[in-house]
């Protein structure tokens, strides 16, 4: 076999190895306390009362957190989000907005496989006044990867 053919074969083998590595995807990552494919919000810290979303939701006023204790009263999600987790299997970012119908500006966003806990979100102590991040979210828009810095 000629020297040129050996170089061509080696280059071809290297290209196959690199190509195989590039197309091989890793396992989907999940955010804490949130089932694969869902975007979850919590009334307190991660793992507390939760509401799960599979798709975008333009209006949190008719959504309630699940009850995790006897005697607990289910609370409305709107303006009560303290933590969030993103277990998207499609690579979507979770973008939370101050108002229903994705209005009022972006409160915060969470990358796939990540989460934000209550202590990481700013809070001014007044729910729903468009100041701070905790107790402010009213809608969720799922977006493909963006250049916006997310948790």
C-alpha atoms as a PDB file:
ATOM      1  CA  UNK A   1       0.000   0.000   0.000  1.00  0.00           C
ATOM      2  CA  UNK A   2       1.379   3.368  -0.956  1.00  0.00           C
ATOM      3  CA  UNK A   3       2.209   6.089   1.536  1.00  0.00           C
ATOM      4  CA  UNK A   4      -0.547   8.370   0.131  1.00  0.00           C
ATOM      5  CA  UNK A   5      -3.215   5.655   0.533  1.00  0.00           C
ATOM      6  CA  UNK A   6      -2.169   5.024   4.150  1.00  0.00           C
ATOM      7  CA  UNK A   7      -2.454   8.741   4.954  1.00  0.00           C
ATOM      8  CA  UNK A   8      -5.863   8.913   3.264  1.00  0.00           C
ATOM      9  CA  UNK A   9      -7.093   5.867   5.223  1.00  0.00           C
ATOM     10  CA  UNK A  10      -5.805   7.300   8.507  1.00  0.00           C
ATOM     11  CA  UNK A  11      -7.474  10.629   7.787  1.00  0.00           C
ATOM     12  CA  UNK A  12     -10.740   8.861   6.939  1.00  0.00           C
ATOM     13  CA  UNK A  13     -10.621   6.808  10.147  1.00  0.00           C
ATOM     14  CA  UNK A  14      -9.933   9.934  12.194  1.00  0.00           C
ATOM     15  CA  UNK A  15     -12.858  11.718  10.543  1.00  0.00           C
ATOM     16  CA  UNK A  16     -15.174   8.812  11.399  1.00  0.00           C
ATOM     17  CA  UNK A  17     -14.033   8.845  15.021  1.00  0.00           C
ATOM     18  CA  UNK A  18     -14.511  12.591  15.349  1.00  0.00           C
ATOM     19  CA  UNK A  19     -17.829  12.471  13.505  1.00  0.00           C
ATOM     20  CA  UNK A  20     -19.084   9.650  15.727  1.00  0.00           C
ATOM     21  CA  UNK A  21     -18.159  11.605  18.805  1.00  0.00           C
ATOM     22  CA  UNK A  22     -19.892  14.740  17.581  1.00  0.00           C
ATOM     23  CA  UNK A  23     -23.213  13.080  16.784  1.00  0.00           C
ATOM     24  CA  UNK A  24     -23.351  11.026  19.968  1.00  0.00           C
ATOM     25  CA  UNK A  25     -25.579  12.871  22.417  1.00  0.00           C
ATOM     26  CA  UNK A  26     -25.285  12.611  26.172  1.00  0.00           C
ATOM     27  CA  UNK A  27     -28.185  11.720  28.425  1.00  0.00           C
ATOM     28  CA  UNK A  28     -30.845  14.351  28.979  1.00  0.00           C
ATOM     29  CA  UNK A  29     -30.289  16.239  32.210  1.00  0.00           C
ATOM     30  CA  UNK A  30     -33.078  17.016  34.607  1.00  0.00           C
ATOM     31  CA  UNK A  31     -33.525  19.813  37.094  1.00  0.00           C
ATOM     32  CA  UNK A  32     -34.095  18.910  40.748  1.00  0.00           C
ATOM     33  CA  UNK A  33     -37.588  17.846  41.881  1.00  0.00           C
ATOM     34  CA  UNK A  34     -39.060  17.993  38.371  1.00  0.00           C
ATOM     35  CA  UNK A  35     -40.024  15.055  36.123  1.00  0.00           C
ATOM     36  CA  UNK A  36     -38.325  14.752  32.705  1.00  0.00           C
ATOM     37  CA  UNK A  37     -39.998  16.943  30.086  1.00  0.00           C
ATOM     38  CA  UNK A  38     -41.492  19.374  32.610  1.00  0.00           C
ATOM     39  CA  UNK A  39     -40.855  22.904  33.846  1.00  0.00           C
ATOM     40  CA  UNK A  40     -41.718  23.165  37.545  1.00  0.00           C
ATOM     41  CA  UNK A  41     -42.356  26.056  39.912  1.00  0.00           C
ATOM     42  CA  UNK A  42     -42.403  25.901  43.705  1.00  0.00           C
ATOM     43  CA  UNK A  43     -44.157  27.967  46.350  1.00  0.00           C
ATOM     44  CA  UNK A  44     -41.104  27.808  48.616  1.00  0.00           C
ATOM     45  CA  UNK A  45     -37.724  26.157  48.268  1.00  0.00           C
ATOM     46  CA  UNK A  46     -37.116  23.440  45.679  1.00  0.00           C
ATOM     47  CA  UNK A  47     -39.145  20.370  46.671  1.00  0.00           C
ATOM     48  CA  UNK A  48     -41.955  22.317  48.376  1.00  0.00           C
ATOM     49  CA  UNK A  49     -45.484  22.742  46.946  1.00  0.00           C
ATOM     50  CA  UNK A  50     -45.126  22.391  43.170  1.00  0.00           C
ATOM     51  CA  UNK A  51     -46.922  23.004  39.891  1.00  0.00           C
ATOM     52  CA  UNK A  52     -45.592  21.322  36.722  1.00  0.00           C
ATOM     53  CA  UNK A  53     -45.870  22.640  33.158  1.00  0.00           C
ATOM     54  CA  UNK A  54     -45.276  20.623  29.991  1.00  0.00           C
ATOM     55  CA  UNK A  55     -45.916  23.563  27.645  1.00  0.00           C
ATOM     56  CA  UNK A  56     -45.952  27.344  27.844  1.00  0.00           C
ATOM     57  CA  UNK A  57     -48.700  28.835  30.022  1.00  0.00           C
ATOM     58  CA  UNK A  58     -49.808  32.418  29.395  1.00  0.00           C
ATOM     59  CA  UNK A  59     -51.776  32.781  32.630  1.00  0.00           C
ATOM     60  CA  UNK A  60     -50.887  31.457  36.095  1.00  0.00           C
ATOM     61  CA  UNK A  61     -54.052  32.862  37.730  1.00  0.00           C
ATOM     62  CA  UNK A  62     -55.962  29.595  37.243  1.00  0.00           C
ATOM     63  CA  UNK A  63     -53.083  27.299  38.323  1.00  0.00           C
ATOM     64  CA  UNK A  64     -52.619  25.942  41.844  1.00  0.00           C
ATOM     65  CA  UNK A  65     -49.694  24.388  43.682  1.00  0.00           C
ATOM     66  CA  UNK A  66     -50.179  20.787  44.789  1.00  0.00           C
ATOM     67  CA  UNK A  67     -50.747  20.161  48.476  1.00  0.00           C
ATOM     68  CA  UNK A  68     -47.906  18.332  50.195  1.00  0.00           C
ATOM     69  CA  UNK A  69     -49.304  18.164  53.715  1.00  0.00           C
ATOM     70  CA  UNK A  70     -52.587  17.368  55.436  1.00  0.00           C
ATOM     71  CA  UNK A  71     -54.521  20.547  56.112  1.00  0.00           C
ATOM     72  CA  UNK A  72     -52.545  22.610  53.613  1.00  0.00           C
ATOM     73  CA  UNK A  73     -54.514  24.951  51.401  1.00  0.00           C
ATOM     74  CA  UNK A  74     -53.606  24.861  47.730  1.00  0.00           C
ATOM     75  CA  UNK A  75     -52.287  28.287  46.722  1.00  0.00           C
ATOM     76  CA  UNK A  76     -52.569  30.013  43.336  1.00  0.00           C
ATOM     77  CA  UNK A  77     -49.305  30.005  41.361  1.00  0.00           C
ATOM     78  CA  UNK A  78     -49.651  33.590  40.087  1.00  0.00           C
ATOM     79  CA  UNK A  79     -47.218  35.927  41.914  1.00  0.00           C
ATOM     80  CA  UNK A  80     -46.250  33.097  44.310  1.00  0.00           C
ATOM     81  CA  UNK A  81     -43.244  31.459  42.578  1.00  0.00           C
ATOM     82  CA  UNK A  82     -40.185  31.231  44.845  1.00  0.00           C
ATOM     83  CA  UNK A  83     -38.154  28.542  43.022  1.00  0.00           C
ATOM     84  CA  UNK A  84     -38.127  26.836  39.623  1.00  0.00           C
ATOM     85  CA  UNK A  85     -36.616  23.779  37.959  1.00  0.00           C
ATOM     86  CA  UNK A  86     -36.252  22.912  34.265  1.00  0.00           C
ATOM     87  CA  UNK A  87     -36.246  19.259  33.167  1.00  0.00           C
ATOM     88  CA  UNK A  88     -36.857  19.961  29.480  1.00  0.00           C
ATOM     89  CA  UNK A  89     -36.093  17.007  27.235  1.00  0.00           C
ATOM     90  CA  UNK A  90     -36.316  19.226  24.146  1.00  0.00           C
ATOM     91  CA  UNK A  91     -33.692  21.783  25.180  1.00  0.00           C
ATOM     92  CA  UNK A  92     -36.174  24.567  25.979  1.00  0.00           C
ATOM     93  CA  UNK A  93     -35.387  27.376  28.397  1.00  0.00           C
ATOM     94  CA  UNK A  94     -38.077  28.347  30.924  1.00  0.00           C
ATOM     95  CA  UNK A  95     -38.781  32.103  30.629  1.00  0.00           C
ATOM     96  CA  UNK A  96     -40.976  33.587  33.373  1.00  0.00           C
ATOM     97  CA  UNK A  97     -42.739  36.938  32.869  1.00  0.00           C
ATOM     98  CA  UNK A  98     -44.182  39.533  35.270  1.00  0.00           C
ATOM     99  CA  UNK A  99     -47.640  39.626  33.659  1.00  0.00           C
ATOM    100  CA  UNK A 100     -50.035  37.187  32.036  1.00  0.00           C
ATOM    101  CA  UNK A 101     -49.649  36.721  28.274  1.00  0.00           C
ATOM    102  CA  UNK A 102     -45.845  37.086  28.623  1.00  0.00           C
ATOM    103  CA  UNK A 103     -46.115  40.809  29.355  1.00  0.00           C
ATOM    104  CA  UNK A 104     -44.365  43.182  31.719  1.00  0.00           C
ATOM    105  CA  UNK A 105     -40.849  41.976  30.970  1.00  0.00           C
ATOM    106  CA  UNK A 106     -38.759  38.948  31.852  1.00  0.00           C
ATOM    107  CA  UNK A 107     -38.559  38.071  35.559  1.00  0.00           C
ATOM    108  CA  UNK A 108     -35.964  35.290  35.195  1.00  0.00           C
ATOM    109  CA  UNK A 109     -35.212  32.212  33.098  1.00  0.00           C
ATOM    110  CA  UNK A 110     -33.896  28.705  33.792  1.00  0.00           C
ATOM    111  CA  UNK A 111     -31.715  26.621  31.474  1.00  0.00           C
ATOM    112  CA  UNK A 112     -32.529  22.970  30.697  1.00  0.00           C
ATOM    113  CA  UNK A 113     -31.230  20.695  33.451  1.00  0.00           C
ATOM    114  CA  UNK A 114     -30.912  23.564  35.917  1.00  0.00           C
ATOM    115  CA  UNK A 115     -32.891  25.157  38.721  1.00  0.00           C
ATOM    116  CA  UNK A 116     -33.060  28.298  40.819  1.00  0.00           C
ATOM    117  CA  UNK A 117     -33.785  28.188  44.542  1.00  0.00           C
ATOM    118  CA  UNK A 118     -35.637  30.813  46.546  1.00  0.00           C
ATOM    119  CA  UNK A 119     -32.494  32.366  48.029  1.00  0.00           C
ATOM    120  CA  UNK A 120     -31.115  33.080  44.551  1.00  0.00           C
ATOM    121  CA  UNK A 121     -34.081  35.254  43.519  1.00  0.00           C
ATOM    122  CA  UNK A 122     -34.310  38.877  44.602  1.00  0.00           C
ATOM    123  CA  UNK A 123     -37.348  39.966  46.621  1.00  0.00           C
ATOM    124  CA  UNK A 124     -38.630  43.319  47.871  1.00  0.00           C
ATOM    125  CA  UNK A 125     -41.315  41.781  50.108  1.00  0.00           C
ATOM    126  CA  UNK A 126     -44.254  42.929  47.955  1.00  0.00           C
ATOM    127  CA  UNK A 127     -45.877  40.316  45.708  1.00  0.00           C
ATOM    128  CA  UNK A 128     -46.725  41.164  42.110  1.00  0.00           C
ATOM    129  CA  UNK A 129     -45.335  44.707  41.963  1.00  0.00           C
ATOM    130  CA  UNK A 130     -42.751  44.067  39.191  1.00  0.00           C
ATOM    131  CA  UNK A 131     -39.824  44.633  41.578  1.00  0.00           C
ATOM    132  CA  UNK A 132     -37.537  41.726  42.257  1.00  0.00           C
ATOM    133  CA  UNK A 133     -37.947  38.158  41.062  1.00  0.00           C
ATOM    134  CA  UNK A 134     -39.546  36.110  43.847  1.00  0.00           C
ATOM    135  CA  UNK A 135     -43.365  36.264  44.079  1.00  0.00           C
ATOM    136  CA  UNK A 136     -43.579  37.976  40.678  1.00  0.00           C
ATOM    137  CA  UNK A 137     -44.049  35.402  37.854  1.00  0.00           C
ATOM    138  CA  UNK A 138     -47.427  35.305  36.080  1.00  0.00           C
ATOM    139  CA  UNK A 139     -46.678  33.374  32.868  1.00  0.00           C
ATOM    140  CA  UNK A 140     -44.199  30.885  31.384  1.00  0.00           C
ATOM    141  CA  UNK A 141     -42.895  30.862  27.820  1.00  0.00           C
ATOM    142  CA  UNK A 142     -40.755  27.943  26.644  1.00  0.00           C
ATOM    143  CA  UNK A 143     -38.055  29.152  24.254  1.00  0.00           C
ATOM    144  CA  UNK A 144     -35.320  27.393  22.325  1.00  0.00           C
ATOM    145  CA  UNK A 145     -31.788  28.240  23.422  1.00  0.00           C
ATOM    146  CA  UNK A 146     -31.198  32.008  23.618  1.00  0.00           C
ATOM    147  CA  UNK A 147     -28.295  34.312  24.444  1.00  0.00           C
ATOM    148  CA  UNK A 148     -30.089  35.555  27.579  1.00  0.00           C
ATOM    149  CA  UNK A 149     -28.277  34.669  30.822  1.00  0.00           C
ATOM    150  CA  UNK A 150     -30.426  32.132  32.674  1.00  0.00           C
ATOM    151  CA  UNK A 151     -30.002  30.218  35.926  1.00  0.00           C
END
